């Protein structure tokens, strides 16, 4: 859907015969509205003509876009916070860390969800995804300073995995 939204923005710019940032934003906004409205109409039609319930339908484009934006803001903030924590550890006169490897049970099922979660963990300074079990039920993460393994596991599940599952279940 995002690619289609970009196409709508480019079509708008071509119709206006002006290729400015403002025209791109206007075209993107119009494309967003067109996709959101048409998706709702098509989704309602599909639900009416089939045995699907409203709960079985997919997340709408606007909802998924907002959840993706929320994940990006959260990741930006997490990376800044983790950089500060790592800097504090490094500049201490005495290195007082407790590194460890966590086994995190996964609720996310999709390949892309597991990959995104693994990459987000690795992008955050102080943590690195090491491996995933063969049955794709457990993720192994190295943490540079782990005082409380249960709290660290809970933080990854509630902060990272929950947000990833909102986008890719």
N, C-alpha and C. Protein backbone atom coordinates (compact mmCIF):
# COMPACT_ATOMS: atom_id res chain seq x y z
N UNK A 1 0.81 -1.19 0.00
CA UNK A 1 0.00 0.00 0.00
C UNK A 1 0.86 1.27 0.00
N UNK A 2 1.99 1.21 0.70
CA UNK A 2 2.86 2.38 0.74
C UNK A 2 3.38 2.74 -0.64
N UNK A 3 3.71 1.72 -1.43
CA UNK A 3 4.19 1.97 -2.79
C UNK A 3 3.08 2.63 -3.61
N UNK A 4 1.87 2.15 -3.46
CA UNK A 4 0.73 2.74 -4.16
C UNK A 4 0.55 4.20 -3.73
N UNK A 5 0.74 4.47 -2.46
CA UNK A 5 0.63 5.83 -1.97
C UNK A 5 1.68 6.74 -2.62
N UNK A 6 2.92 6.24 -2.76
CA UNK A 6 3.96 7.00 -3.46
C UNK A 6 3.58 7.23 -4.93
N UNK A 7 3.01 6.23 -5.55
CA UNK A 7 2.59 6.36 -6.96
C UNK A 7 1.53 7.45 -7.08
N UNK A 8 0.57 7.46 -6.16
CA UNK A 8 -0.44 8.52 -6.17
C UNK A 8 0.20 9.90 -6.02
N UNK A 9 1.19 10.00 -5.15
CA UNK A 9 1.87 11.28 -4.95
C UNK A 9 2.59 11.71 -6.24
N UNK A 10 3.23 10.78 -6.91
CA UNK A 10 3.93 11.10 -8.16
C UNK A 10 2.94 11.47 -9.27
N UNK A 11 1.81 10.78 -9.32
CA UNK A 11 0.78 11.11 -10.31
C UNK A 11 0.25 12.51 -10.05
N UNK A 12 0.02 12.85 -8.80
CA UNK A 12 -0.44 14.19 -8.46
C UNK A 12 0.56 15.24 -8.92
N UNK A 13 1.83 14.99 -8.66
CA UNK A 13 2.87 15.94 -9.07
C UNK A 13 2.91 16.08 -10.59
N UNK A 14 2.74 14.97 -11.30
CA UNK A 14 2.75 15.02 -12.77
C UNK A 14 1.54 15.80 -13.29
N UNK A 15 0.38 15.60 -12.67
CA UNK A 15 -0.81 16.33 -13.09
C UNK A 15 -0.68 17.83 -12.81
N UNK A 16 -0.04 18.17 -11.73
CA UNK A 16 0.17 19.58 -11.38
C UNK A 16 1.31 20.20 -12.18
N UNK A 17 2.13 19.34 -12.77
CA UNK A 17 3.32 19.75 -13.52
C UNK A 17 4.29 20.56 -12.67
N UNK A 18 4.30 20.26 -11.38
CA UNK A 18 5.24 20.88 -10.45
C UNK A 18 5.81 19.78 -9.57
N UNK A 19 7.10 19.73 -9.48
CA UNK A 19 7.75 18.69 -8.71
C UNK A 19 8.42 19.32 -7.48
N UNK A 20 7.58 19.76 -6.54
CA UNK A 20 8.08 20.36 -5.31
C UNK A 20 7.72 19.45 -4.13
N UNK A 21 8.37 19.68 -3.02
CA UNK A 21 8.12 18.88 -1.82
C UNK A 21 6.68 19.06 -1.34
N UNK A 22 6.18 20.28 -1.40
CA UNK A 22 4.80 20.56 -0.97
C UNK A 22 3.80 19.78 -1.83
N UNK A 23 4.02 19.76 -3.15
CA UNK A 23 3.13 19.00 -4.03
C UNK A 23 3.22 17.51 -3.74
N UNK A 24 4.40 17.03 -3.39
CA UNK A 24 4.55 15.62 -3.03
C UNK A 24 3.75 15.32 -1.77
N UNK A 25 3.85 16.18 -0.76
CA UNK A 25 3.12 15.97 0.50
C UNK A 25 1.61 16.00 0.25
N UNK A 26 1.14 16.95 -0.55
CA UNK A 26 -0.29 17.03 -0.87
C UNK A 26 -0.73 15.77 -1.60
N UNK A 27 0.04 15.34 -2.60
CA UNK A 27 -0.29 14.12 -3.34
C UNK A 27 -0.26 12.89 -2.45
N UNK A 28 0.70 12.85 -1.54
CA UNK A 28 0.79 11.72 -0.62
C UNK A 28 -0.44 11.69 0.30
N UNK A 29 -0.84 12.87 0.79
CA UNK A 29 -2.02 12.96 1.64
C UNK A 29 -3.29 12.55 0.90
N UNK A 30 -3.44 13.01 -0.34
CA UNK A 30 -4.61 12.62 -1.14
C UNK A 30 -4.59 11.11 -1.41
N UNK A 31 -3.43 10.58 -1.74
CA UNK A 31 -3.31 9.14 -1.96
C UNK A 31 -3.65 8.35 -0.72
N UNK A 32 -3.19 8.84 0.42
CA UNK A 32 -3.49 8.19 1.70
C UNK A 32 -5.00 8.14 1.93
N UNK A 33 -5.68 9.27 1.67
CA UNK A 33 -7.13 9.32 1.85
C UNK A 33 -7.84 8.39 0.88
N UNK A 34 -7.40 8.36 -0.38
CA UNK A 34 -8.02 7.48 -1.37
C UNK A 34 -7.87 6.02 -0.97
N UNK A 35 -6.68 5.64 -0.56
CA UNK A 35 -6.44 4.26 -0.16
C UNK A 35 -7.26 3.91 1.08
N UNK A 36 -7.27 4.80 2.07
CA UNK A 36 -8.01 4.53 3.31
C UNK A 36 -9.50 4.37 3.03
N UNK A 37 -10.07 5.26 2.24
CA UNK A 37 -11.50 5.19 1.94
C UNK A 37 -11.85 3.98 1.09
N UNK A 38 -11.06 3.72 0.06
CA UNK A 38 -11.37 2.58 -0.81
C UNK A 38 -11.14 1.26 -0.09
N UNK A 39 -10.16 1.21 0.79
CA UNK A 39 -9.93 -0.03 1.54
C UNK A 39 -11.11 -0.33 2.45
N UNK A 40 -11.66 0.71 3.09
CA UNK A 40 -12.80 0.52 3.98
C UNK A 40 -14.02 0.04 3.19
N UNK A 41 -14.28 0.64 2.04
CA UNK A 41 -15.42 0.24 1.21
C UNK A 41 -15.24 -1.20 0.73
N UNK A 42 -14.07 -1.52 0.21
CA UNK A 42 -13.80 -2.88 -0.28
C UNK A 42 -13.87 -3.89 0.86
N UNK A 43 -13.34 -3.53 2.01
CA UNK A 43 -13.36 -4.44 3.15
C UNK A 43 -14.80 -4.72 3.59
N UNK A 44 -15.62 -3.67 3.66
CA UNK A 44 -17.03 -3.86 4.02
C UNK A 44 -17.75 -4.75 3.01
N UNK A 45 -17.46 -4.57 1.72
CA UNK A 45 -18.07 -5.38 0.67
C UNK A 45 -17.65 -6.84 0.82
N UNK A 46 -16.39 -7.09 1.08
CA UNK A 46 -15.89 -8.46 1.24
C UNK A 46 -16.53 -9.12 2.44
N UNK A 47 -16.65 -8.38 3.54
CA UNK A 47 -17.25 -8.94 4.75
C UNK A 47 -18.73 -9.26 4.51
N UNK A 48 -19.45 -8.39 3.78
CA UNK A 48 -20.86 -8.63 3.51
C UNK A 48 -21.09 -9.85 2.62
N UNK A 49 -20.19 -10.09 1.66
CA UNK A 49 -20.40 -11.17 0.70
C UNK A 49 -19.71 -12.47 1.08
N UNK A 50 -19.08 -12.51 2.24
CA UNK A 50 -18.39 -13.74 2.65
C UNK A 50 -18.77 -14.09 4.08
N UNK A 51 -18.12 -15.11 4.57
CA UNK A 51 -18.37 -15.57 5.92
C UNK A 51 -17.44 -14.92 6.95
N UNK A 52 -16.64 -13.96 6.51
CA UNK A 52 -15.69 -13.31 7.41
C UNK A 52 -16.42 -12.42 8.42
N UNK A 53 -15.85 -12.33 9.60
CA UNK A 53 -16.33 -11.39 10.60
C UNK A 53 -15.42 -10.17 10.57
N UNK A 54 -15.85 -9.10 11.17
CA UNK A 54 -15.04 -7.88 11.21
C UNK A 54 -13.71 -8.15 11.90
N UNK A 55 -13.69 -8.99 12.92
CA UNK A 55 -12.47 -9.29 13.67
C UNK A 55 -11.46 -10.03 12.81
N UNK A 56 -11.92 -10.74 11.77
CA UNK A 56 -11.03 -11.51 10.91
C UNK A 56 -10.33 -10.65 9.86
N UNK A 57 -10.80 -9.43 9.67
CA UNK A 57 -10.24 -8.61 8.62
C UNK A 57 -8.88 -8.05 9.02
N UNK A 58 -8.15 -7.62 8.01
CA UNK A 58 -6.81 -7.10 8.22
C UNK A 58 -6.86 -5.69 8.80
N UNK A 59 -5.74 -5.28 9.38
CA UNK A 59 -5.61 -3.93 9.88
C UNK A 59 -5.65 -2.96 8.71
N UNK A 60 -6.34 -1.87 8.88
CA UNK A 60 -6.46 -0.91 7.79
C UNK A 60 -5.13 -0.19 7.56
N UNK A 61 -5.01 0.37 6.38
CA UNK A 61 -3.79 1.08 6.01
C UNK A 61 -3.48 2.24 6.96
N UNK A 62 -4.46 3.09 7.30
CA UNK A 62 -4.16 4.17 8.26
C UNK A 62 -3.70 3.66 9.62
N UNK A 63 -4.35 2.60 10.12
CA UNK A 63 -3.94 2.04 11.42
C UNK A 63 -2.52 1.49 11.35
N UNK A 64 -2.24 0.74 10.30
CA UNK A 64 -0.90 0.15 10.15
C UNK A 64 0.15 1.25 9.98
N UNK A 65 -0.20 2.31 9.26
CA UNK A 65 0.74 3.42 9.08
C UNK A 65 1.03 4.09 10.42
N UNK A 66 0.01 4.33 11.21
CA UNK A 66 0.21 4.96 12.53
C UNK A 66 1.02 4.05 13.45
N UNK A 67 0.76 2.75 13.41
CA UNK A 67 1.53 1.82 14.24
C UNK A 67 2.99 1.75 13.79
N UNK A 68 3.21 1.83 12.49
CA UNK A 68 4.58 1.84 11.97
C UNK A 68 5.29 3.12 12.40
N UNK A 69 4.61 4.25 12.30
CA UNK A 69 5.19 5.52 12.74
C UNK A 69 5.50 5.46 14.23
N UNK A 70 4.59 4.91 15.01
CA UNK A 70 4.80 4.78 16.45
C UNK A 70 6.02 3.90 16.74
N UNK A 71 6.18 2.81 15.99
CA UNK A 71 7.34 1.94 16.16
C UNK A 71 8.63 2.68 15.82
N UNK A 72 8.61 3.48 14.77
CA UNK A 72 9.81 4.23 14.38
C UNK A 72 10.19 5.25 15.46
N UNK A 73 9.21 5.96 16.00
CA UNK A 73 9.48 6.92 17.07
C UNK A 73 10.02 6.19 18.31
N UNK A 74 9.39 5.07 18.65
CA UNK A 74 9.86 4.28 19.80
C UNK A 74 11.30 3.81 19.59
N UNK A 75 11.60 3.33 18.38
CA UNK A 75 12.96 2.85 18.11
C UNK A 75 13.97 3.98 18.18
N UNK A 76 13.63 5.13 17.63
CA UNK A 76 14.52 6.28 17.69
C UNK A 76 14.83 6.63 19.14
N UNK A 77 13.80 6.68 19.97
CA UNK A 77 13.98 6.99 21.39
C UNK A 77 14.77 5.89 22.09
N UNK A 78 14.50 4.64 21.79
CA UNK A 78 15.23 3.52 22.42
C UNK A 78 16.70 3.54 22.06
N UNK A 79 17.01 3.86 20.82
CA UNK A 79 18.41 3.92 20.40
C UNK A 79 19.14 5.06 21.12
N UNK A 80 18.50 6.20 21.25
CA UNK A 80 19.12 7.32 21.97
C UNK A 80 19.35 6.94 23.43
N UNK A 81 18.34 6.37 24.06
CA UNK A 81 18.43 5.98 25.46
C UNK A 81 19.53 4.92 25.67
N UNK A 82 19.58 3.94 24.78
CA UNK A 82 20.59 2.88 24.89
C UNK A 82 22.00 3.43 24.66
N UNK A 83 22.14 4.39 23.74
CA UNK A 83 23.45 5.01 23.52
C UNK A 83 23.93 5.72 24.78
N UNK A 84 23.03 6.42 25.46
CA UNK A 84 23.40 7.09 26.71
C UNK A 84 23.80 6.08 27.76
N UNK A 85 23.05 4.97 27.88
CA UNK A 85 23.40 3.93 28.85
C UNK A 85 24.76 3.32 28.56
N UNK A 86 25.04 3.02 27.30
CA UNK A 86 26.32 2.43 26.92
C UNK A 86 27.45 3.44 27.18
N UNK A 87 27.22 4.71 26.89
CA UNK A 87 28.24 5.73 27.14
C UNK A 87 28.55 5.83 28.64
N UNK A 88 27.53 5.75 29.48
CA UNK A 88 27.74 5.78 30.94
C UNK A 88 28.59 4.59 31.38
N UNK A 89 28.32 3.44 30.81
CA UNK A 89 29.09 2.24 31.18
C UNK A 89 30.54 2.41 30.77
N UNK A 90 30.76 2.94 29.58
CA UNK A 90 32.12 3.06 29.05
C UNK A 90 32.95 4.09 29.81
N UNK A 91 32.35 5.22 30.21
CA UNK A 91 33.13 6.27 30.86
C UNK A 91 33.31 6.06 32.36
N UNK A 92 32.70 5.05 32.93
CA UNK A 92 32.93 4.76 34.34
C UNK A 92 34.38 4.36 34.55
N UNK A 93 34.96 4.79 35.67
CA UNK A 93 36.36 4.43 35.93
C UNK A 93 36.55 2.92 36.09
N UNK A 94 35.55 2.25 36.65
CA UNK A 94 35.63 0.81 36.85
C UNK A 94 34.51 0.15 36.06
N UNK A 95 34.88 -0.82 35.24
CA UNK A 95 33.90 -1.50 34.41
C UNK A 95 33.13 -2.50 35.27
N UNK A 96 31.89 -2.16 35.59
CA UNK A 96 31.06 -2.98 36.46
C UNK A 96 29.83 -3.43 35.68
N UNK A 97 30.01 -4.42 34.81
CA UNK A 97 28.89 -4.91 34.00
C UNK A 97 28.69 -6.40 34.23
N UNK A 98 27.51 -6.83 33.93
CA UNK A 98 27.16 -8.24 34.02
C UNK A 98 26.57 -8.68 32.69
N UNK A 99 27.42 -9.06 31.73
CA UNK A 99 26.89 -9.50 30.43
C UNK A 99 26.19 -10.86 30.56
N UNK A 100 25.29 -11.11 29.65
CA UNK A 100 24.59 -12.39 29.68
C UNK A 100 23.81 -12.63 28.39
N UNK A 101 23.37 -13.87 28.26
CA UNK A 101 22.56 -14.26 27.11
C UNK A 101 21.17 -14.62 27.62
N UNK A 102 20.18 -13.99 27.01
CA UNK A 102 18.78 -14.23 27.37
C UNK A 102 18.11 -15.13 26.35
N UNK A 103 17.30 -16.04 26.83
CA UNK A 103 16.41 -16.82 25.97
C UNK A 103 15.03 -16.19 26.09
N UNK A 104 14.53 -15.66 24.98
CA UNK A 104 13.26 -14.95 25.00
C UNK A 104 12.23 -15.76 24.22
N UNK A 105 11.17 -16.23 24.88
CA UNK A 105 10.12 -16.95 24.16
C UNK A 105 9.37 -15.99 23.24
N UNK A 106 9.13 -16.43 22.03
CA UNK A 106 8.51 -15.57 21.02
C UNK A 106 7.02 -15.83 20.88
N UNK A 107 6.28 -14.75 20.75
CA UNK A 107 4.86 -14.83 20.41
C UNK A 107 4.65 -14.50 18.94
N UNK A 108 5.54 -13.68 18.38
CA UNK A 108 5.44 -13.32 16.97
C UNK A 108 5.69 -14.57 16.12
N UNK A 109 4.89 -14.76 15.08
CA UNK A 109 4.95 -15.98 14.28
C UNK A 109 5.50 -15.78 12.87
N UNK A 110 5.27 -14.60 12.30
CA UNK A 110 5.64 -14.39 10.90
C UNK A 110 7.15 -14.24 10.75
N UNK A 111 7.65 -14.65 9.59
CA UNK A 111 9.08 -14.54 9.29
C UNK A 111 9.53 -13.08 9.34
N UNK A 112 8.74 -12.21 8.73
CA UNK A 112 9.12 -10.80 8.69
C UNK A 112 9.06 -10.18 10.08
N UNK A 113 8.12 -10.61 10.90
CA UNK A 113 8.03 -10.11 12.27
C UNK A 113 9.24 -10.53 13.11
N UNK A 114 9.65 -11.79 12.98
CA UNK A 114 10.81 -12.28 13.71
C UNK A 114 12.07 -11.56 13.24
N UNK A 115 12.19 -11.36 11.93
CA UNK A 115 13.35 -10.66 11.38
C UNK A 115 13.39 -9.22 11.85
N UNK A 116 12.26 -8.54 11.82
CA UNK A 116 12.20 -7.15 12.27
C UNK A 116 12.55 -7.05 13.75
N UNK A 117 12.00 -7.93 14.56
CA UNK A 117 12.30 -7.93 16.00
C UNK A 117 13.79 -8.14 16.23
N UNK A 118 14.36 -9.11 15.54
CA UNK A 118 15.80 -9.39 15.69
C UNK A 118 16.64 -8.19 15.30
N UNK A 119 16.29 -7.54 14.21
CA UNK A 119 17.05 -6.37 13.76
C UNK A 119 16.89 -5.19 14.71
N UNK A 120 15.70 -4.98 15.23
CA UNK A 120 15.48 -3.88 16.17
C UNK A 120 16.29 -4.08 17.44
N UNK A 121 16.35 -5.31 17.92
CA UNK A 121 17.14 -5.61 19.11
C UNK A 121 18.61 -5.35 18.83
N UNK A 122 19.10 -5.79 17.68
CA UNK A 122 20.51 -5.62 17.32
C UNK A 122 20.85 -4.14 17.09
N UNK A 123 19.92 -3.37 16.56
CA UNK A 123 20.16 -1.94 16.34
C UNK A 123 20.32 -1.16 17.64
N UNK A 124 19.72 -1.66 18.70
CA UNK A 124 19.79 -0.98 19.98
C UNK A 124 21.14 -1.28 20.62
N UNK A 125 21.95 -0.25 20.89
CA UNK A 125 23.28 -0.48 21.48
C UNK A 125 23.19 -1.23 22.80
N UNK A 126 24.11 -2.16 22.98
CA UNK A 126 24.16 -2.97 24.20
C UNK A 126 23.48 -4.31 24.07
N UNK A 127 22.79 -4.56 22.95
CA UNK A 127 22.13 -5.85 22.73
C UNK A 127 22.41 -6.34 21.32
N UNK A 128 22.54 -7.66 21.19
CA UNK A 128 22.76 -8.28 19.89
C UNK A 128 21.97 -9.57 19.83
N UNK A 129 21.19 -9.74 18.77
CA UNK A 129 20.49 -11.00 18.57
C UNK A 129 21.50 -12.03 18.09
N UNK A 130 21.57 -13.16 18.78
CA UNK A 130 22.55 -14.19 18.44
C UNK A 130 21.97 -15.27 17.54
N UNK A 131 20.80 -15.78 17.91
CA UNK A 131 20.26 -16.94 17.20
C UNK A 131 18.77 -17.05 17.48
N UNK A 132 18.14 -17.88 16.69
CA UNK A 132 16.74 -18.23 16.91
C UNK A 132 16.67 -19.75 16.89
N UNK A 133 15.84 -20.31 17.73
CA UNK A 133 15.74 -21.77 17.80
C UNK A 133 15.17 -22.32 16.50
N UNK A 134 15.40 -23.61 16.27
CA UNK A 134 14.94 -24.24 15.02
C UNK A 134 13.41 -24.21 14.89
N UNK A 135 12.71 -24.28 16.02
CA UNK A 135 11.25 -24.24 15.96
C UNK A 135 10.69 -22.81 15.93
N UNK A 136 11.56 -21.82 15.91
CA UNK A 136 11.22 -20.39 15.85
C UNK A 136 10.36 -19.95 17.03
N UNK A 137 10.61 -20.54 18.17
CA UNK A 137 9.85 -20.20 19.38
C UNK A 137 10.69 -19.43 20.40
N UNK A 138 12.03 -19.41 20.23
CA UNK A 138 12.92 -18.77 21.19
C UNK A 138 13.98 -17.96 20.47
N UNK A 139 14.18 -16.74 20.95
CA UNK A 139 15.20 -15.85 20.41
C UNK A 139 16.29 -15.70 21.46
N UNK A 140 17.55 -15.82 21.05
CA UNK A 140 18.67 -15.69 21.97
C UNK A 140 19.34 -14.34 21.74
N UNK A 141 19.45 -13.57 22.83
CA UNK A 141 19.95 -12.20 22.75
C UNK A 141 21.08 -12.03 23.76
N UNK A 142 22.20 -11.44 23.30
CA UNK A 142 23.29 -11.08 24.21
C UNK A 142 23.05 -9.66 24.69
N UNK A 143 23.10 -9.49 26.01
CA UNK A 143 22.89 -8.19 26.62
C UNK A 143 24.18 -7.79 27.33
N UNK A 144 24.66 -6.58 27.07
CA UNK A 144 25.94 -6.13 27.61
C UNK A 144 25.91 -5.99 29.13
N UNK A 145 24.83 -5.48 29.69
CA UNK A 145 24.73 -5.30 31.13
C UNK A 145 23.34 -5.70 31.57
N UNK A 146 23.27 -6.85 32.21
CA UNK A 146 21.97 -7.40 32.58
C UNK A 146 21.93 -7.63 34.09
N UNK A 147 21.29 -6.72 34.78
CA UNK A 147 21.17 -6.83 36.24
C UNK A 147 20.05 -7.79 36.62
N UNK A 148 18.92 -7.69 35.91
CA UNK A 148 17.76 -8.53 36.21
C UNK A 148 17.28 -9.17 34.90
N UNK A 149 17.60 -10.46 34.69
CA UNK A 149 17.21 -11.12 33.42
C UNK A 149 15.71 -11.10 33.16
N UNK A 150 14.90 -11.28 34.20
CA UNK A 150 13.45 -11.30 33.99
C UNK A 150 12.93 -9.93 33.56
N UNK A 151 13.47 -8.87 34.14
CA UNK A 151 13.05 -7.52 33.76
C UNK A 151 13.48 -7.22 32.33
N UNK A 152 14.68 -7.65 31.95
CA UNK A 152 15.16 -7.42 30.58
C UNK A 152 14.31 -8.20 29.58
N UNK A 153 13.98 -9.43 29.91
CA UNK A 153 13.13 -10.25 29.04
C UNK A 153 11.75 -9.61 28.89
N UNK A 154 11.20 -9.15 30.01
CA UNK A 154 9.88 -8.51 30.00
C UNK A 154 9.91 -7.23 29.17
N UNK A 155 10.98 -6.44 29.29
CA UNK A 155 11.10 -5.20 28.52
C UNK A 155 11.13 -5.47 27.02
N UNK A 156 11.88 -6.48 26.61
CA UNK A 156 11.94 -6.82 25.19
C UNK A 156 10.58 -7.29 24.69
N UNK A 157 9.91 -8.12 25.47
CA UNK A 157 8.61 -8.65 25.04
C UNK A 157 7.55 -7.56 24.98
N UNK A 158 7.49 -6.71 26.02
CA UNK A 158 6.43 -5.71 26.09
C UNK A 158 6.69 -4.50 25.22
N UNK A 159 7.96 -4.10 25.12
CA UNK A 159 8.27 -2.89 24.35
C UNK A 159 8.49 -3.20 22.87
N UNK A 160 9.34 -4.16 22.59
CA UNK A 160 9.72 -4.43 21.20
C UNK A 160 8.74 -5.39 20.52
N UNK A 161 8.57 -6.58 21.10
CA UNK A 161 7.76 -7.61 20.42
C UNK A 161 6.30 -7.18 20.26
N UNK A 162 5.75 -6.54 21.26
CA UNK A 162 4.35 -6.11 21.18
C UNK A 162 4.15 -5.14 20.02
N UNK A 163 5.07 -4.20 19.86
CA UNK A 163 4.96 -3.22 18.77
C UNK A 163 5.15 -3.87 17.40
N UNK A 164 6.05 -4.84 17.33
CA UNK A 164 6.26 -5.55 16.06
C UNK A 164 5.01 -6.36 15.72
N UNK A 165 4.41 -6.99 16.72
CA UNK A 165 3.21 -7.80 16.48
C UNK A 165 2.00 -6.94 16.06
N UNK A 166 2.00 -5.68 16.45
CA UNK A 166 0.93 -4.78 16.00
C UNK A 166 0.96 -4.61 14.49
N UNK A 167 2.18 -4.71 13.91
CA UNK A 167 2.33 -4.51 12.48
C UNK A 167 2.39 -5.84 11.73
N UNK A 168 3.18 -6.78 12.24
CA UNK A 168 3.35 -8.10 11.61
C UNK A 168 3.08 -9.19 12.64
N UNK A 169 1.85 -9.70 12.71
CA UNK A 169 1.51 -10.72 13.72
C UNK A 169 2.20 -12.04 13.55
